[in-house]
PDB file of N, CA and C in Angstrom:
ATOM      1  N   MET A   1       0.769  -1.348  -0.114  1.00  0.00           N
ATOM      2  CA  MET A   1      -0.055   0.163  -0.004  1.00  0.00           C
ATOM      3  C   MET A   1       0.920   1.325  -0.097  1.00  0.00           C
ATOM      4  N   PRO A   2       0.650   2.100  -0.698  1.00  0.00           N
ATOM      5  CA  PRO A   2       1.488   3.585  -0.795  1.00  0.00           C
ATOM      6  C   PRO A   2       1.145   4.131   0.260  1.00  0.00           C
ATOM      7  N   ALA A   3       2.216   5.119   0.480  1.00  0.00           N
ATOM      8  CA  ALA A   3       2.085   6.075   1.625  1.00  0.00           C
ATOM      9  C   ALA A   3       1.855   7.496   1.325  1.00  0.00           C
ATOM     10  N   ILE A   4       1.586   8.321   2.419  1.00  0.00           N
ATOM     11  CA  ILE A   4       0.952   9.640   2.096  1.00  0.00           C
ATOM     12  C   ILE A   4       1.846  10.276   3.032  1.00  0.00           C
ATOM     13  N   ALA A   5       2.680  11.411   2.830  1.00  0.00           N
ATOM     14  CA  ALA A   5       3.309  12.587   3.660  1.00  0.00           C
ATOM     15  C   ALA A   5       2.578  13.619   3.726  1.00  0.00           C
ATOM     16  N   ALA A   6       2.419  14.015   4.912  1.00  0.00           N
ATOM     17  CA  ALA A   6       1.882  15.548   5.473  1.00  0.00           C
ATOM     18  C   ALA A   6       3.414  16.624   5.701  1.00  0.00           C
ATOM     19  N   ILE A   7       3.522  17.542   5.042  1.00  0.00           N
ATOM     20  CA  ILE A   7       4.585  18.329   5.341  1.00  0.00           C
ATOM     21  C   ILE A   7       4.029  19.667   5.588  1.00  0.00           C
ATOM     22  N   LYS A   8       4.512  20.388   6.721  1.00  0.00           N
ATOM     23  CA  LYS A   8       3.723  21.484   7.565  1.00  0.00           C
ATOM     24  C   LYS A   8       4.318  22.627   6.314  1.00  0.00           C
ATOM     25  N   THR A   9       3.395  23.562   5.953  1.00  0.00           N
ATOM     26  CA  THR A   9       3.633  24.447   5.037  1.00  0.00           C
ATOM     27  C   THR A   9       4.654  25.560   5.360  1.00  0.00           C
ATOM     28  N   GLY A  10       5.714  25.983   4.475  1.00  0.00           N
ATOM     29  CA  GLY A  10       6.845  26.827   4.897  1.00  0.00           C
ATOM     30  C   GLY A  10       8.243  26.008   4.986  1.00  0.00           C
ATOM     31  N   THR A  11       7.756  24.561   5.188  1.00  0.00           N
ATOM     32  CA  THR A  11       9.348  23.975   5.718  1.00  0.00           C
ATOM     33  C   THR A  11       9.645  22.904   4.434  1.00  0.00           C
ATOM     34  N   ASP A  12      10.545  22.414   4.516  1.00  0.00           N
ATOM     35  CA  ASP A  12      11.048  21.632   3.950  1.00  0.00           C
ATOM     36  C   ASP A  12      10.877  19.915   4.176  1.00  0.00           C
ATOM     37  N   PRO A  13      10.752  18.877   3.696  1.00  0.00           N
ATOM     38  CA  PRO A  13      10.715  17.399   4.073  1.00  0.00           C
ATOM     39  C   PRO A  13      11.945  17.030   4.820  1.00  0.00           C
ATOM     40  N   VAL A  14      12.110  16.582   6.215  1.00  0.00           N
ATOM     41  CA  VAL A  14      13.133  16.297   6.813  1.00  0.00           C
ATOM     42  C   VAL A  14      13.568  14.899   6.559  1.00  0.00           C
ATOM     43  N   ALA A  15      12.807  13.994   5.903  1.00  0.00           N
ATOM     44  CA  ALA A  15      13.217  12.456   5.614  1.00  0.00           C
ATOM     45  C   ALA A  15      12.575  12.474   4.125  1.00  0.00           C
ATOM     46  N   PRO A  16      13.207  11.354   3.231  1.00  0.00           N
ATOM     47  CA  PRO A  16      12.842  11.107   2.080  1.00  0.00           C
ATOM     48  C   PRO A  16      11.322  11.050   2.066  1.00  0.00           C
ATOM     49  N   LEU A  17      10.850  11.296   0.802  1.00  0.00           N
ATOM     50  CA  LEU A  17       9.431  11.340   0.449  1.00  0.00           C
ATOM     51  C   LEU A  17       9.051   9.766   0.245  1.00  0.00           C
ATOM     52  N   PRO A  18       7.824   9.507   0.232  1.00  0.00           N
ATOM     53  CA  PRO A  18       7.443   7.983   0.046  1.00  0.00           C
ATOM     54  C   PRO A  18       8.094   7.674  -1.315  1.00  0.00           C
ATOM     55  N   ALA A  19       8.405   6.461  -1.477  1.00  0.00           N
ATOM     56  CA  ALA A  19       9.047   5.954  -2.833  1.00  0.00           C
ATOM     57  C   ALA A  19       7.914   6.159  -3.970  1.00  0.00           C
ATOM     58  N   ALA A  20       8.180   6.866  -5.125  1.00  0.00           N
ATOM     59  CA  ALA A  20       7.567   7.214  -6.098  1.00  0.00           C
ATOM     60  C   ALA A  20       8.244   7.468  -7.419  1.00  0.00           C
ATOM     61  N   ALA A  21       7.796   7.412  -8.408  1.00  0.00           N
ATOM     62  CA  ALA A  21       8.728   8.218  -9.495  1.00  0.00           C
ATOM     63  C   ALA A  21       8.320   9.473  -9.698  1.00  0.00           C
ATOM     64  N   PHE A  22       6.988   9.754  -9.297  1.00  0.00           N
ATOM     65  CA  PHE A  22       6.952  11.252  -9.406  1.00  0.00           C
ATOM     66  C   PHE A  22       5.954  11.463  -8.205  1.00  0.00           C
ATOM     67  N   HIS A  23       5.794  12.572  -7.667  1.00  0.00           N
ATOM     68  CA  HIS A  23       5.134  13.104  -6.618  1.00  0.00           C
ATOM     69  C   HIS A  23       3.963  13.858  -7.098  1.00  0.00           C
ATOM     70  N   ARG A  24       2.885  14.071  -6.194  1.00  0.00           N
ATOM     71  CA  ARG A  24       1.723  15.160  -6.446  1.00  0.00           C
ATOM     72  C   ARG A  24       1.424  15.560  -5.330  1.00  0.00           C
ATOM     73  N   THR A  25       1.491  16.747  -5.018  1.00  0.00           N
ATOM     74  CA  THR A  25       0.799  17.360  -3.904  1.00  0.00           C
ATOM     75  C   THR A  25      -0.523  17.597  -4.342  1.00  0.00           C
ATOM     76  N   LEU A  26      -1.457  17.220  -3.272  1.00  0.00           N
ATOM     77  CA  LEU A  26      -3.120  17.098  -3.308  1.00  0.00           C
ATOM     78  C   LEU A  26      -3.424  18.591  -3.057  1.00  0.00           C
ATOM     79  N   GLU A  27      -4.591  18.913  -3.957  1.00  0.00           N
ATOM     80  CA  GLU A  27      -5.047  20.323  -3.628  1.00  0.00           C
ATOM     81  C   GLU A  27      -5.610  20.593  -2.150  1.00  0.00           C
ATOM     82  N   GLU A  28      -6.023  20.136  -1.522  1.00  0.00           N
ATOM     83  CA  GLU A  28      -6.796  20.216  -0.291  1.00  0.00           C
ATOM     84  C   GLU A  28      -5.803  19.806   0.761  1.00  0.00           C
ATOM     85  N   PRO A  29      -5.076  20.790   1.661  1.00  0.00           N
ATOM     86  CA  PRO A  29      -4.291  20.391   2.562  1.00  0.00           C
ATOM     87  C   PRO A  29      -5.071  20.191   3.742  1.00  0.00           C
ATOM     88  N   ILE A  30      -4.349  19.735   5.043  1.00  0.00           N
ATOM     89  CA  ILE A  30      -5.045  19.365   6.336  1.00  0.00           C
ATOM     90  C   ILE A  30      -4.862  20.822   7.091  1.00  0.00           C
ATOM     91  N   TYR A  31      -5.468  21.016   7.791  1.00  0.00           N
ATOM     92  CA  TYR A  31      -5.666  22.401   8.487  1.00  0.00           C
ATOM     93  C   TYR A  31      -5.766  22.064  10.063  1.00  0.00           C
ATOM     94  N   CYS A  32      -4.799  22.373  11.173  1.00  0.00           N
ATOM     95  CA  CYS A  32      -5.408  22.423  12.178  1.00  0.00           C
ATOM     96  C   CYS A  32      -6.383  23.259  12.855  1.00  0.00           C
ATOM     97  N   PRO A  33      -7.411  22.401  13.528  1.00  0.00           N
ATOM     98  CA  PRO A  33      -8.673  23.324  13.713  1.00  0.00           C
ATOM     99  C   PRO A  33      -8.426  24.313  14.932  1.00  0.00           C
ATOM    100  N   LYS A  34      -7.088  24.156  15.355  1.00  0.00           N
ATOM    101  CA  LYS A  34      -7.188  25.141  16.659  1.00  0.00           C
ATOM    102  C   LYS A  34      -6.185  26.531  16.293  1.00  0.00           C
ATOM    103  N   CYS A  35      -5.434  26.078  15.369  1.00  0.00           N
ATOM    104  CA  CYS A  35      -4.517  27.145  15.232  1.00  0.00           C
ATOM    105  C   CYS A  35      -4.416  27.450  13.107  1.00  0.00           C
ATOM    106  N   ASP A  36      -3.337  28.141  12.921  1.00  0.00           N
ATOM    107  CA  ASP A  36      -3.162  28.453  11.728  1.00  0.00           C
ATOM    108  C   ASP A  36      -2.169  27.346  10.931  1.00  0.00           C
ATOM    109  N   ALA A  37      -1.902  26.323  11.493  1.00  0.00           N
ATOM    110  CA  ALA A  37      -1.000  25.390  10.913  1.00  0.00           C
ATOM    111  C   ALA A  37      -1.571  24.653   9.933  1.00  0.00           C
ATOM    112  N   THR A  38      -0.931  24.489   8.640  1.00  0.00           N
ATOM    113  CA  THR A  38      -1.448  23.718   7.464  1.00  0.00           C
ATOM    114  C   THR A  38      -0.259  22.906   7.010  1.00  0.00           C
ATOM    115  N   TYR A  39      -0.799  21.750   6.445  1.00  0.00           N
ATOM    116  CA  TYR A  39       0.046  20.595   6.528  1.00  0.00           C
ATOM    117  C   TYR A  39      -0.242  20.237   4.844  1.00  0.00           C
ATOM    118  N   ASN A  40       0.542  20.339   3.800  1.00  0.00           N
ATOM    119  CA  ASN A  40       0.451  19.921   2.322  1.00  0.00           C
ATOM    120  C   ASN A  40       0.701  18.202   2.621  1.00  0.00           C
ATOM    121  N   LEU A  41      -0.222  17.964   1.575  1.00  0.00           N
ATOM    122  CA  LEU A  41      -0.046  16.152   1.376  1.00  0.00           C
ATOM    123  C   LEU A  41       0.402  15.890   0.086  1.00  0.00           C
ATOM    124  N   VAL A  42       1.344  14.934   0.352  1.00  0.00           N
ATOM    125  CA  VAL A  42       2.161  14.569  -0.945  1.00  0.00           C
ATOM    126  C   VAL A  42       2.294  12.931  -1.176  1.00  0.00           C
ATOM    127  N   VAL A  43       1.817  12.396  -2.124  1.00  0.00           N
ATOM    128  CA  VAL A  43       1.389  11.146  -2.624  1.00  0.00           C
ATOM    129  C   VAL A  43       1.819  10.606  -4.068  1.00  0.00           C
ATOM    130  N   ASP A  44       2.107   9.706  -4.048  1.00  0.00           N
ATOM    131  CA  ASP A  44       2.684   8.713  -5.531  1.00  0.00           C
ATOM    132  C   ASP A  44       1.529   9.453  -6.416  1.00  0.00           C
ATOM    133  N   TYR A  45       1.861   9.825  -7.565  1.00  0.00           N
ATOM    134  CA  TYR A  45       1.362  10.454  -8.417  1.00  0.00           C
ATOM    135  C   TYR A  45       0.315   9.677  -9.259  1.00  0.00           C
ATOM    136  N   ASP A  46       0.816   8.249  -9.449  1.00  0.00           N
ATOM    137  CA  ASP A  46       0.194   7.228 -10.327  1.00  0.00           C
ATOM    138  C   ASP A  46      -1.064   6.687  -9.254  1.00  0.00           C
ATOM    139  N   TRP A  47      -0.810   6.782  -8.143  1.00  0.00           N
ATOM    140  CA  TRP A  47      -1.799   6.479  -7.001  1.00  0.00           C
ATOM    141  C   TRP A  47      -2.927   7.644  -6.986  1.00  0.00           C
ATOM    142  N   ALA A  48      -2.500   8.747  -6.891  1.00  0.00           N
ATOM    143  CA  ALA A  48      -3.277   9.933  -6.866  1.00  0.00           C
ATOM    144  C   ALA A  48      -4.185   9.908  -8.066  1.00  0.00           C
ATOM    145  N   ILE A  49      -3.826   9.656  -9.409  1.00  0.00           N
ATOM    146  CA  ILE A  49      -4.950   9.545 -10.546  1.00  0.00           C
ATOM    147  C   ILE A  49      -5.504   8.483 -10.569  1.00  0.00           C
ATOM    148  N   SER A  50      -5.403   7.504  -9.654  1.00  0.00           N
ATOM    149  CA  SER A  50      -6.097   6.249 -10.053  1.00  0.00           C
ATOM    150  C   SER A  50      -7.593   6.333  -9.502  1.00  0.00           C
ATOM    151  N   ARG A  51      -8.271   5.493  -9.976  1.00  0.00           N
ATOM    152  CA  ARG A  51      -9.985   5.879  -9.882  1.00  0.00           C
ATOM    153  C   ARG A  51     -10.475   5.567  -8.594  1.00  0.00           C
ATOM    154  N   HIS A  52      -9.762   4.872  -7.567  1.00  0.00           N
ATOM    155  CA  HIS A  52     -10.098   4.336  -6.414  1.00  0.00           C
ATOM    156  C   HIS A  52      -9.228   5.280  -5.445  1.00  0.00           C
ATOM    157  N   PHE A  53      -8.714   6.058  -5.916  1.00  0.00           N
ATOM    158  CA  PHE A  53      -7.849   6.926  -4.885  1.00  0.00           C
ATOM    159  C   PHE A  53      -8.449   7.712  -3.357  1.00  0.00           C
ATOM    160  N   GLU A  54      -9.650   8.026  -3.810  1.00  0.00           N
ATOM    161  CA  GLU A  54     -10.527   8.870  -2.939  1.00  0.00           C
ATOM    162  C   GLU A  54     -10.749   7.852  -1.845  1.00  0.00           C
ATOM    163  N   ASN A  55     -11.313   6.783  -2.307  1.00  0.00           N
ATOM    164  CA  ASN A  55     -11.551   5.683  -1.122  1.00  0.00           C
ATOM    165  C   ASN A  55     -10.583   5.025  -0.506  1.00  0.00           C
ATOM    166  N   GLU A  56      -9.480   4.590  -1.182  1.00  0.00           N
ATOM    167  CA  GLU A  56      -8.346   4.127  -0.673  1.00  0.00           C
ATOM    168  C   GLU A  56      -7.491   5.033   0.338  1.00  0.00           C
ATOM    169  N   SER A  57      -7.475   6.205   0.084  1.00  0.00           N
ATOM    170  CA  SER A  57      -6.704   7.290   0.822  1.00  0.00           C
ATOM    171  C   SER A  57      -7.529   7.873   2.006  1.00  0.00           C
ATOM    172  N   ARG A  58      -8.802   7.373   2.407  1.00  0.00           N
ATOM    173  CA  ARG A  58      -9.538   7.905   3.166  1.00  0.00           C
ATOM    174  C   ARG A  58      -9.060   7.440   4.656  1.00  0.00           C
ATOM    175  N   ARG A  59      -8.588   6.593   4.843  1.00  0.00           N
ATOM    176  CA  ARG A  59      -8.001   5.990   6.370  1.00  0.00           C
ATOM    177  C   ARG A  59      -6.534   6.901   6.583  1.00  0.00           C
ATOM    178  N   HIS A  60      -5.932   6.758   5.418  1.00  0.00           N
ATOM    179  CA  HIS A  60      -4.572   7.709   5.523  1.00  0.00           C
ATOM    180  C   HIS A  60      -4.746   9.160   5.970  1.00  0.00           C
ATOM    181  N   VAL A  61      -5.514   9.960   5.293  1.00  0.00           N
ATOM    182  CA  VAL A  61      -5.834  11.346   5.482  1.00  0.00           C
ATOM    183  C   VAL A  61      -6.527  11.183   7.080  1.00  0.00           C
ATOM    184  N   SER A  62      -7.412  10.224   7.432  1.00  0.00           N
ATOM    185  CA  SER A  62      -8.033  10.587   8.725  1.00  0.00           C
ATOM    186  C   SER A  62      -6.980  10.137   9.720  1.00  0.00           C
ATOM    187  N   LEU A  63      -5.714   9.286   9.563  1.00  0.00           N
ATOM    188  CA  LEU A  63      -4.965   9.280  10.526  1.00  0.00           C
ATOM    189  C   LEU A  63      -4.053  10.317  10.770  1.00  0.00           C
ATOM    190  N   LEU A  64      -3.817  10.924   9.521  1.00  0.00           N
ATOM    191  CA  LEU A  64      -2.880  12.106   9.521  1.00  0.00           C
ATOM    192  C   LEU A  64      -3.512  13.482  10.276  1.00  0.00           C
ATOM    193  N   ARG A  65      -4.823  13.578   9.955  1.00  0.00           N
ATOM    194  CA  ARG A  65      -5.881  14.636  10.303  1.00  0.00           C
ATOM    195  C   ARG A  65      -5.665  14.543  11.846  1.00  0.00           C
ATOM    196  N   LYS A  66      -5.968  13.324  12.524  1.00  0.00           N
ATOM    197  CA  LYS A  66      -6.007  12.996  14.062  1.00  0.00           C
ATOM    198  C   LYS A  66      -4.532  13.351  14.732  1.00  0.00           C
ATOM    199  N   THR A  67      -3.547  12.845  13.991  1.00  0.00           N
ATOM    200  CA  THR A  67      -2.151  13.331  14.487  1.00  0.00           C
ATOM    201  C   THR A  67      -1.821  14.812  14.612  1.00  0.00           C
ATOM    202  N   ILE A  68      -2.111  15.370  13.346  1.00  0.00           N
ATOM    203  CA  ILE A  68      -1.956  16.778  13.222  1.00  0.00           C
ATOM    204  C   ILE A  68      -2.588  17.547  14.296  1.00  0.00           C
ATOM    205  N   THR A  69      -4.064  17.119  14.510  1.00  0.00           N
ATOM    206  CA  THR A  69      -4.965  17.612  15.696  1.00  0.00           C
ATOM    207  C   THR A  69      -4.028  17.678  17.110  1.00  0.00           C
ATOM    208  N   ARG A  70      -3.608  16.331  17.556  1.00  0.00           N
ATOM    209  CA  ARG A  70      -2.891  16.130  18.517  1.00  0.00           C
ATOM    210  C   ARG A  70      -1.668  16.786  18.623  1.00  0.00           C
ATOM    211  N   GLY A  71      -1.001  17.081  17.548  1.00  0.00           N
ATOM    212  CA  GLY A  71       0.092  17.804  17.686  1.00  0.00           C
ATOM    213  C   GLY A  71       0.236  19.211  17.842  1.00  0.00           C
ATOM    214  N   HIS A  72      -0.955  19.550  18.184  1.00  0.00           N
ATOM    215  CA  HIS A  72      -1.341  21.343  18.372  1.00  0.00           C
ATOM    216  C   HIS A  72      -0.775  21.574  19.645  1.00  0.00           C
ATOM    217  N   SER A  73      -0.932  20.410  20.590  1.00  0.00           N
ATOM    218  CA  SER A  73      -0.554  20.718  21.982  1.00  0.00           C
ATOM    219  C   SER A  73       1.035  20.988  22.556  1.00  0.00           C
ATOM    220  N   VAL A  74       1.820  20.321  21.339  1.00  0.00           N
ATOM    221  CA  VAL A  74       3.325  20.669  21.725  1.00  0.00           C
ATOM    222  C   VAL A  74       3.665  21.851  20.262  1.00  0.00           C
ATOM    223  N   GLY A  75       2.962  22.409  19.714  1.00  0.00           N
ATOM    224  CA  GLY A  75       3.050  23.576  18.825  1.00  0.00           C
ATOM    225  C   GLY A  75       3.788  22.960  17.916  1.00  0.00           C
ATOM    226  N   HIS A  76       3.227  22.189  17.450  1.00  0.00           N
ATOM    227  CA  HIS A  76       3.411  21.501  15.954  1.00  0.00           C
ATOM    228  C   HIS A  76       5.016  21.766  15.546  1.00  0.00           C
ATOM    229  N   ARG A  77       5.700  20.888  16.574  1.00  0.00           N
ATOM    230  CA  ARG A  77       7.077  21.073  16.203  1.00  0.00           C
ATOM    231  C   ARG A  77       7.631  19.730  15.351  1.00  0.00           C
ATOM    232  N   ILE A  78       6.692  18.893  14.941  1.00  0.00           N
ATOM    233  CA  ILE A  78       6.671  17.912  14.166  1.00  0.00           C
ATOM    234  C   ILE A  78       6.409  18.736  12.761  1.00  0.00           C
ATOM    235  N   THR A  79       7.200  18.486  11.861  1.00  0.00           N
ATOM    236  CA  THR A  79       6.849  19.183  10.556  1.00  0.00           C
ATOM    237  C   THR A  79       6.701  18.291   9.516  1.00  0.00           C
ATOM    238  N   HIS A  80       6.817  16.909   9.622  1.00  0.00           N
ATOM    239  CA  HIS A  80       6.801  15.899   8.369  1.00  0.00           C
ATOM    240  C   HIS A  80       6.288  14.777   9.036  1.00  0.00           C
ATOM    241  N   PHE A  81       4.967  14.512   8.574  1.00  0.00           N
ATOM    242  CA  PHE A  81       4.485  13.038   9.093  1.00  0.00           C
ATOM    243  C   PHE A  81       4.120  12.137   7.679  1.00  0.00           C
ATOM    244  N   GLU A  82       4.447  10.826   8.008  1.00  0.00           N
ATOM    245  CA  GLU A  82       4.108   9.910   7.121  1.00  0.00           C
ATOM    246  C   GLU A  82       3.345   8.466   7.241  1.00  0.00           C
ATOM    247  N   THR A  83       2.294   8.279   6.557  1.00  0.00           N
ATOM    248  CA  THR A  83       1.557   6.980   7.001  1.00  0.00           C
ATOM    249  C   THR A  83       1.531   6.327   5.736  1.00  0.00           C
ATOM    250  N   ASN A  84       1.187   5.118   6.174  1.00  0.00           N
ATOM    251  CA  ASN A  84       0.861   3.974   5.062  1.00  0.00           C
ATOM    252  C   ASN A  84      -0.803   3.269   5.500  1.00  0.00           C
ATOM    253  N   GLY A  85      -1.494   3.856   6.147  1.00  0.00           N
ATOM    254  CA  GLY A  85      -2.747   3.571   6.797  1.00  0.00           C
ATOM    255  C   GLY A  85      -2.771   2.763   7.629  1.00  0.00           C
ATOM    256  N   VAL A  86      -1.751   2.270   8.463  1.00  0.00           N
ATOM    257  CA  VAL A  86      -1.818   1.562   9.513  1.00  0.00           C
ATOM    258  C   VAL A  86      -0.921   2.426  10.790  1.00  0.00           C
ATOM    259  N   VAL A  87       0.043   2.944  10.469  1.00  0.00           N
ATOM    260  CA  VAL A  87       1.003   3.781  11.711  1.00  0.00           C
ATOM    261  C   VAL A  87       1.236   4.899  11.163  1.00  0.00           C
ATOM    262  N   VAL A  88       1.395   6.020  11.991  1.00  0.00           N
ATOM    263  CA  VAL A  88       2.065   7.410  11.711  1.00  0.00           C
ATOM    264  C   VAL A  88       3.248   7.733  12.252  1.00  0.00           C
ATOM    265  N   VAL A  89       4.274   8.185  11.362  1.00  0.00           N
ATOM    266  CA  VAL A  89       5.733   8.444  11.642  1.00  0.00           C
ATOM    267  C   VAL A  89       5.737  10.005  11.926  1.00  0.00           C
ATOM    268  N   GLY A  90       6.217  10.388  12.768  1.00  0.00           N
ATOM    269  CA  GLY A  90       6.903  11.861  12.683  1.00  0.00           C
ATOM    270  C   GLY A  90       8.267  11.602  12.846  1.00  0.00           C
ATOM    271  N   HIS A  91       8.537  12.927  11.652  1.00  0.00           N
ATOM    272  CA  HIS A  91      10.105  12.791  11.453  1.00  0.00           C
ATOM    273  C   HIS A  91      10.467  14.194  12.130  1.00  0.00           C
ATOM    274  N   LYS A  92      11.303  14.512  13.227  1.00  0.00           N
ATOM    275  CA  LYS A  92      11.611  15.719  13.472  1.00  0.00           C
ATOM    276  C   LYS A  92      12.887  16.571  12.772  1.00  0.00           C
ATOM    277  N   PRO A  93      12.742  17.715  12.874  1.00  0.00           N
ATOM    278  CA  PRO A  93      13.836  18.433  12.035  1.00  0.00           C
ATOM    279  C   PRO A  93      15.282  18.145  12.930  1.00  0.00           C
ATOM    280  N   GLU A  94      16.268  18.185  12.193  1.00  0.00           N
ATOM    281  CA  GLU A  94      17.770  17.865  12.958  1.00  0.00           C
ATOM    282  C   GLU A  94      17.884  18.675  14.026  1.00  0.00           C
ATOM    283  N   GLY A  95      17.714  20.061  13.831  1.00  0.00           N
ATOM    284  CA  GLY A  95      18.152  21.079  14.875  1.00  0.00           C
ATOM    285  C   GLY A  95      16.928  21.207  15.907  1.00  0.00           C
ATOM    286  N   ALA A  96      15.835  20.382  16.037  1.00  0.00           N
ATOM    287  CA  ALA A  96      15.022  20.237  16.888  1.00  0.00           C
ATOM    288  C   ALA A  96      14.967  19.485  18.424  1.00  0.00           C
ATOM    289  N   GLN A  97      16.114  20.360  18.951  1.00  0.00           N
ATOM    290  CA  GLN A  97      16.451  19.460  20.161  1.00  0.00           C
ATOM    291  C   GLN A  97      15.861  20.207  21.227  1.00  0.00           C
ATOM    292  N   GLU A  98      15.462  19.670  22.493  1.00  0.00           N
ATOM    293  CA  GLU A  98      14.721  20.187  23.531  1.00  0.00           C
ATOM    294  C   GLU A  98      15.703  21.346  24.031  1.00  0.00           C
ATOM    295  N   VAL A  99      15.394  22.298  24.486  1.00  0.00           N
ATOM    296  CA  VAL A  99      16.147  23.180  25.027  1.00  0.00           C
ATOM    297  C   VAL A  99      16.162  23.064  26.519  1.00  0.00           C
ATOM    298  N   PRO A 100      17.425  22.897  27.139  1.00  0.00           N
ATOM    299  CA  PRO A 100      17.442  22.557  28.762  1.00  0.00           C
ATOM    300  C   PRO A 100      17.180  23.546  29.639  1.00  0.00           C
ATOM    301  N   ALA A 101      16.574  23.551  30.620  1.00  0.00           N
ATOM    302  CA  ALA A 101      16.197  24.430  31.336  1.00  0.00           C
ATOM    303  C   ALA A 101      17.417  25.266  32.204  1.00  0.00           C
ATOM    304  N   MET A 102      17.444  26.396  32.451  1.00  0.00           N
ATOM    305  CA  MET A 102      18.484  27.350  32.954  1.00  0.00           C
ATOM    306  C   MET A 102      19.012  26.711  34.413  1.00  0.00           C
ATOM    307  N   PRO A 103      20.194  26.518  34.754  1.00  0.00           N
ATOM    308  CA  PRO A 103      20.495  25.766  35.937  1.00  0.00           C
ATOM    309  C   PRO A 103      20.267  27.471  36.917  1.00  0.00           C
ATOM    310  N   ARG A 104      19.566  26.825  38.341  1.00  0.00           N
ATOM    311  CA  ARG A 104      19.363  27.889  39.267  1.00  0.00           C
ATOM    312  C   ARG A 104      20.750  27.928  40.011  1.00  0.00           C
ATOM    313  N   HIS A 105      20.818  29.245  40.217  1.00  0.00           N
ATOM    314  CA  HIS A 105      22.104  29.369  40.979  1.00  0.00           C
ATOM    315  C   HIS A 105      21.802  30.122  42.405  1.00  0.00           C
ATOM    316  N   VAL A 106      22.143  29.294  43.485  1.00  0.00           N
ATOM    317  CA  VAL A 106      21.631  29.868  44.623  1.00  0.00           C
ATOM    318  C   VAL A 106      23.004  30.981  45.371  1.00  0.00           C
ATOM    319  N   MET A 107      22.335  31.719  45.998  1.00  0.00           N
ATOM    320  CA  MET A 107      23.341  32.773  46.412  1.00  0.00           C
ATOM    321  C   MET A 107      23.245  32.675  47.737  1.00  0.00           C
TER     322      MET A 107
END
């Protein structure tokens, strides 16, 4: 089963896109209902133009939509998601390390 990638608008993919000869960005992105974060969906071109794409991709899009909505609580730090319809994998950007708390100095 082909995979769908969701990439946050304004960012580059941080992992390789799903295997395909050509990719297509779908016309309808996924929006976070709580803020202005938008994710573009990238799929295999041959799958995207197939007759049954709308039905076959429904589970993929549903999983990505749920994951993106839950990502709102952490500020949408993960900018690249990918799903094969069973599990969603989040790819963090290389420079997205947790900032350690400043040590407190006691005087």
